[in-house]
Amino acid sequence: MTAPVRLGPSFWRVWTAATVSELGSGLTYVALPLLTVTLTRDPRLVSLVGAVQTCPSCCSGCRAGRWPTRPTGGGSCGPPTSYARR
């Protein structure tokens, strides 16, 4: 049996940074509508804040997620045509 691979300090720094970032995003995702409820009791405004809060990830998430994996970068959310040319 082989010895387990030990992860270096660089991995743990990246892992800690990603964990803190995700916790902060999650807290903001919960706290912003709660703050809106304390400022106004209008359900339409609370739902509008929730919709506006998720809009950036819905609009840019597909492109931003695909961008690092494409050799040419950029483009739309369609299939990567640059892979088919090889």
N, C-alpha and C. Protein backbone atom coordinates (compact mmCIF):
# COMPACT_ATOMS: atom_id res chain seq x y z
N MET A 1 0.84 -1.17 0.00
CA MET A 1 0.00 0.00 0.00
C MET A 1 0.89 1.23 0.00
N THR A 2 0.50 2.25 -0.76
CA THR A 2 1.31 3.46 -0.87
C THR A 2 0.93 4.46 0.22
N ALA A 3 1.85 5.30 0.55
CA ALA A 3 1.61 6.34 1.56
C ALA A 3 0.69 7.41 0.99
N PRO A 4 -0.17 7.99 1.81
CA PRO A 4 -1.06 9.04 1.31
C PRO A 4 -0.27 10.29 0.92
N VAL A 5 -0.76 10.97 -0.08
CA VAL A 5 -0.11 12.19 -0.54
C VAL A 5 -0.44 13.33 0.42
N ARG A 6 0.60 14.03 0.86
CA ARG A 6 0.38 15.15 1.78
C ARG A 6 0.22 16.43 0.96
N LEU A 7 -0.76 17.21 1.33
CA LEU A 7 -1.01 18.46 0.63
C LEU A 7 -0.18 19.57 1.25
N GLY A 8 0.35 20.42 0.41
CA GLY A 8 1.25 21.46 0.87
C GLY A 8 0.52 22.66 1.45
N PRO A 9 1.28 23.61 1.99
CA PRO A 9 0.67 24.80 2.59
C PRO A 9 -0.04 25.68 1.57
N SER A 10 0.38 25.65 0.33
CA SER A 10 -0.31 26.45 -0.69
C SER A 10 -1.74 25.98 -0.87
N PHE A 11 -1.95 24.68 -0.86
CA PHE A 11 -3.31 24.14 -0.99
C PHE A 11 -4.18 24.61 0.17
N TRP A 12 -3.65 24.55 1.38
CA TRP A 12 -4.46 24.93 2.54
C TRP A 12 -4.76 26.42 2.56
N ARG A 13 -3.86 27.24 2.05
CA ARG A 13 -4.14 28.68 1.94
C ARG A 13 -5.29 28.91 0.96
N VAL A 14 -5.25 28.26 -0.19
CA VAL A 14 -6.32 28.41 -1.18
C VAL A 14 -7.62 27.86 -0.62
N TRP A 15 -7.57 26.72 0.03
CA TRP A 15 -8.78 26.11 0.58
C TRP A 15 -9.39 27.01 1.65
N THR A 16 -8.57 27.59 2.52
CA THR A 16 -9.08 28.48 3.56
C THR A 16 -9.69 29.74 2.95
N ALA A 17 -9.03 30.31 1.95
CA ALA A 17 -9.55 31.51 1.30
C ALA A 17 -10.89 31.22 0.62
N ALA A 18 -11.01 30.08 -0.04
CA ALA A 18 -12.26 29.73 -0.70
C ALA A 18 -13.38 29.48 0.32
N THR A 19 -13.04 28.86 1.43
CA THR A 19 -14.03 28.60 2.47
C THR A 19 -14.55 29.89 3.08
N VAL A 20 -13.64 30.81 3.40
CA VAL A 20 -14.05 32.09 3.97
C VAL A 20 -14.89 32.88 2.97
N SER A 21 -14.51 32.84 1.70
CA SER A 21 -15.27 33.54 0.68
C SER A 21 -16.68 32.98 0.53
N GLU A 22 -16.81 31.67 0.52
CA GLU A 22 -18.13 31.05 0.41
C GLU A 22 -19.00 31.32 1.63
N LEU A 23 -18.39 31.32 2.82
CA LEU A 23 -19.16 31.65 4.03
C LEU A 23 -19.66 33.09 3.99
N GLY A 24 -18.82 34.00 3.53
CA GLY A 24 -19.23 35.39 3.39
C GLY A 24 -20.34 35.56 2.38
N SER A 25 -20.25 34.85 1.27
CA SER A 25 -21.31 34.92 0.26
C SER A 25 -22.62 34.36 0.79
N GLY A 26 -22.54 33.28 1.53
CA GLY A 26 -23.74 32.69 2.11
C GLY A 26 -24.39 33.59 3.14
N LEU A 27 -23.57 34.23 3.98
CA LEU A 27 -24.11 35.15 4.96
C LEU A 27 -24.78 36.35 4.29
N THR A 28 -24.17 36.86 3.24
CA THR A 28 -24.76 37.98 2.51
C THR A 28 -26.07 37.56 1.85
N TYR A 29 -26.10 36.35 1.32
CA TYR A 29 -27.29 35.85 0.65
C TYR A 29 -28.47 35.76 1.62
N VAL A 30 -28.19 35.47 2.87
CA VAL A 30 -29.25 35.39 3.89
C VAL A 30 -29.52 36.75 4.53
N ALA A 31 -28.47 37.53 4.79
CA ALA A 31 -28.62 38.77 5.55
C ALA A 31 -29.28 39.89 4.76
N LEU A 32 -29.05 39.96 3.46
CA LEU A 32 -29.60 41.08 2.69
C LEU A 32 -31.13 41.07 2.66
N PRO A 33 -31.80 39.95 2.40
CA PRO A 33 -33.26 39.97 2.50
C PRO A 33 -33.76 40.24 3.92
N LEU A 34 -33.05 39.76 4.93
CA LEU A 34 -33.45 40.04 6.31
C LEU A 34 -33.32 41.53 6.64
N LEU A 35 -32.28 42.14 6.13
CA LEU A 35 -32.13 43.58 6.30
C LEU A 35 -33.26 44.33 5.59
N THR A 36 -33.64 43.86 4.42
CA THR A 36 -34.74 44.48 3.69
C THR A 36 -36.05 44.35 4.46
N VAL A 37 -36.26 43.23 5.11
CA VAL A 37 -37.48 43.04 5.90
C VAL A 37 -37.51 44.01 7.08
N THR A 38 -36.36 44.27 7.68
CA THR A 38 -36.34 45.21 8.80
C THR A 38 -36.56 46.65 8.35
N LEU A 39 -36.18 46.97 7.12
CA LEU A 39 -36.35 48.33 6.62
C LEU A 39 -37.75 48.57 6.05
N THR A 40 -38.34 47.56 5.44
CA THR A 40 -39.67 47.69 4.85
C THR A 40 -40.42 46.39 5.03
N ARG A 41 -41.71 46.46 5.14
CA ARG A 41 -42.54 45.26 5.28
C ARG A 41 -43.23 44.90 3.97
N ASP A 42 -42.87 45.55 2.88
CA ASP A 42 -43.50 45.28 1.59
C ASP A 42 -42.92 44.01 0.99
N PRO A 43 -43.74 42.97 0.78
CA PRO A 43 -43.21 41.72 0.24
C PRO A 43 -42.67 41.86 -1.19
N ARG A 44 -43.21 42.81 -1.94
CA ARG A 44 -42.70 43.01 -3.31
C ARG A 44 -41.27 43.50 -3.29
N LEU A 45 -40.95 44.41 -2.38
CA LEU A 45 -39.58 44.91 -2.30
C LEU A 45 -38.61 43.84 -1.81
N VAL A 46 -39.07 43.03 -0.88
CA VAL A 46 -38.21 41.94 -0.38
C VAL A 46 -37.92 40.95 -1.51
N SER A 47 -38.94 40.60 -2.28
CA SER A 47 -38.72 39.67 -3.40
C SER A 47 -37.88 40.32 -4.49
N LEU A 48 -38.04 41.62 -4.70
CA LEU A 48 -37.22 42.32 -5.69
C LEU A 48 -35.74 42.31 -5.27
N VAL A 49 -35.47 42.53 -4.00
CA VAL A 49 -34.09 42.47 -3.52
C VAL A 49 -33.51 41.07 -3.72
N GLY A 50 -34.30 40.04 -3.43
CA GLY A 50 -33.83 38.67 -3.66
C GLY A 50 -33.54 38.39 -5.12
N ALA A 51 -34.40 38.91 -6.01
CA ALA A 51 -34.19 38.69 -7.45
C ALA A 51 -32.96 39.45 -7.94
N VAL A 52 -32.81 40.68 -7.51
CA VAL A 52 -31.66 41.49 -7.93
C VAL A 52 -30.36 40.91 -7.36
N GLN A 53 -30.44 40.33 -6.19
CA GLN A 53 -29.26 39.74 -5.56
C GLN A 53 -28.75 38.54 -6.35
N THR A 54 -29.64 37.73 -6.90
CA THR A 54 -29.21 36.55 -7.66
C THR A 54 -28.96 36.83 -9.13
N CYS A 55 -29.32 38.01 -9.60
CA CYS A 55 -29.17 38.34 -11.01
C CYS A 55 -27.72 38.25 -11.53
N PRO A 56 -26.72 38.79 -10.84
CA PRO A 56 -25.36 38.70 -11.38
C PRO A 56 -24.87 37.27 -11.58
N SER A 57 -25.17 36.38 -10.66
CA SER A 57 -24.70 35.00 -10.84
C SER A 57 -25.47 34.29 -11.93
N CYS A 58 -26.73 34.64 -12.12
CA CYS A 58 -27.52 34.03 -13.20
C CYS A 58 -27.07 34.53 -14.57
N CYS A 59 -26.75 35.81 -14.64
CA CYS A 59 -26.40 36.41 -15.93
C CYS A 59 -24.95 36.12 -16.36
N SER A 60 -24.05 36.10 -15.42
CA SER A 60 -22.64 35.93 -15.79
C SER A 60 -22.06 34.59 -15.37
N GLY A 61 -22.78 33.80 -14.62
CA GLY A 61 -22.23 32.54 -14.12
C GLY A 61 -21.86 31.56 -15.20
N CYS A 62 -22.68 31.47 -16.22
CA CYS A 62 -22.41 30.52 -17.31
C CYS A 62 -21.16 30.91 -18.07
N ARG A 63 -21.03 32.17 -18.40
CA ARG A 63 -19.85 32.62 -19.13
C ARG A 63 -18.59 32.56 -18.27
N ALA A 64 -18.71 32.99 -17.02
CA ALA A 64 -17.53 33.00 -16.15
C ALA A 64 -17.06 31.59 -15.83
N GLY A 65 -17.97 30.65 -15.74
CA GLY A 65 -17.59 29.27 -15.46
C GLY A 65 -16.92 28.59 -16.63
N ARG A 66 -17.28 28.98 -17.83
CA ARG A 66 -16.70 28.36 -19.02
C ARG A 66 -15.41 29.03 -19.46
N TRP A 67 -15.21 30.29 -19.09
CA TRP A 67 -14.08 31.05 -19.61
C TRP A 67 -12.72 30.41 -19.34
N PRO A 68 -12.42 29.92 -18.12
CA PRO A 68 -11.08 29.37 -17.89
C PRO A 68 -10.81 28.08 -18.63
N THR A 69 -11.84 27.34 -19.02
CA THR A 69 -11.62 26.05 -19.66
C THR A 69 -11.49 26.15 -21.16
N ARG A 70 -11.79 27.28 -21.74
CA ARG A 70 -11.71 27.44 -23.20
C ARG A 70 -10.31 27.88 -23.60
N PRO A 71 -9.73 27.26 -24.59
CA PRO A 71 -8.38 27.66 -24.98
C PRO A 71 -8.34 29.05 -25.61
N THR A 72 -9.42 29.50 -26.26
CA THR A 72 -9.42 30.82 -26.88
C THR A 72 -10.01 31.87 -25.97
N GLY A 73 -10.75 31.46 -24.93
CA GLY A 73 -11.38 32.41 -24.01
C GLY A 73 -12.55 33.13 -24.64
N GLY A 74 -13.34 33.79 -23.84
CA GLY A 74 -14.47 34.58 -24.34
C GLY A 74 -15.55 33.72 -24.95
N GLY A 75 -16.41 34.36 -25.72
CA GLY A 75 -17.48 33.63 -26.39
C GLY A 75 -18.73 33.53 -25.56
N SER A 76 -19.68 32.78 -26.06
CA SER A 76 -20.96 32.65 -25.37
C SER A 76 -21.03 31.32 -24.64
N CYS A 77 -22.23 30.97 -24.19
CA CYS A 77 -22.41 29.75 -23.42
C CYS A 77 -22.63 28.53 -24.30
N GLY A 78 -22.49 28.67 -25.58
CA GLY A 78 -22.70 27.55 -26.48
C GLY A 78 -21.56 26.54 -26.38
N PRO A 79 -21.61 25.49 -27.19
CA PRO A 79 -20.54 24.48 -27.15
C PRO A 79 -19.22 25.08 -27.61
N PRO A 80 -18.13 24.65 -27.03
CA PRO A 80 -16.83 25.21 -27.42
C PRO A 80 -16.43 24.74 -28.81
N THR A 81 -16.48 25.64 -29.79
CA THR A 81 -16.17 25.26 -31.16
C THR A 81 -14.68 25.09 -31.36
N SER A 82 -13.85 25.69 -30.51
CA SER A 82 -12.41 25.59 -30.70
C SER A 82 -11.91 24.17 -30.46
N TYR A 83 -12.61 23.37 -29.66
CA TYR A 83 -12.20 21.99 -29.47
C TYR A 83 -12.46 21.14 -30.71
N ALA A 84 -13.52 21.49 -31.44
CA ALA A 84 -13.89 20.69 -32.61
C ALA A 84 -12.92 20.92 -33.75
N ARG A 85 -12.19 22.01 -33.79
CA ARG A 85 -11.28 22.31 -34.89
C ARG A 85 -9.98 21.53 -34.81
N ARG A 86 -9.69 20.95 -33.69
CA ARG A 86 -8.40 20.26 -33.52
C ARG A 86 -8.35 18.97 -34.27
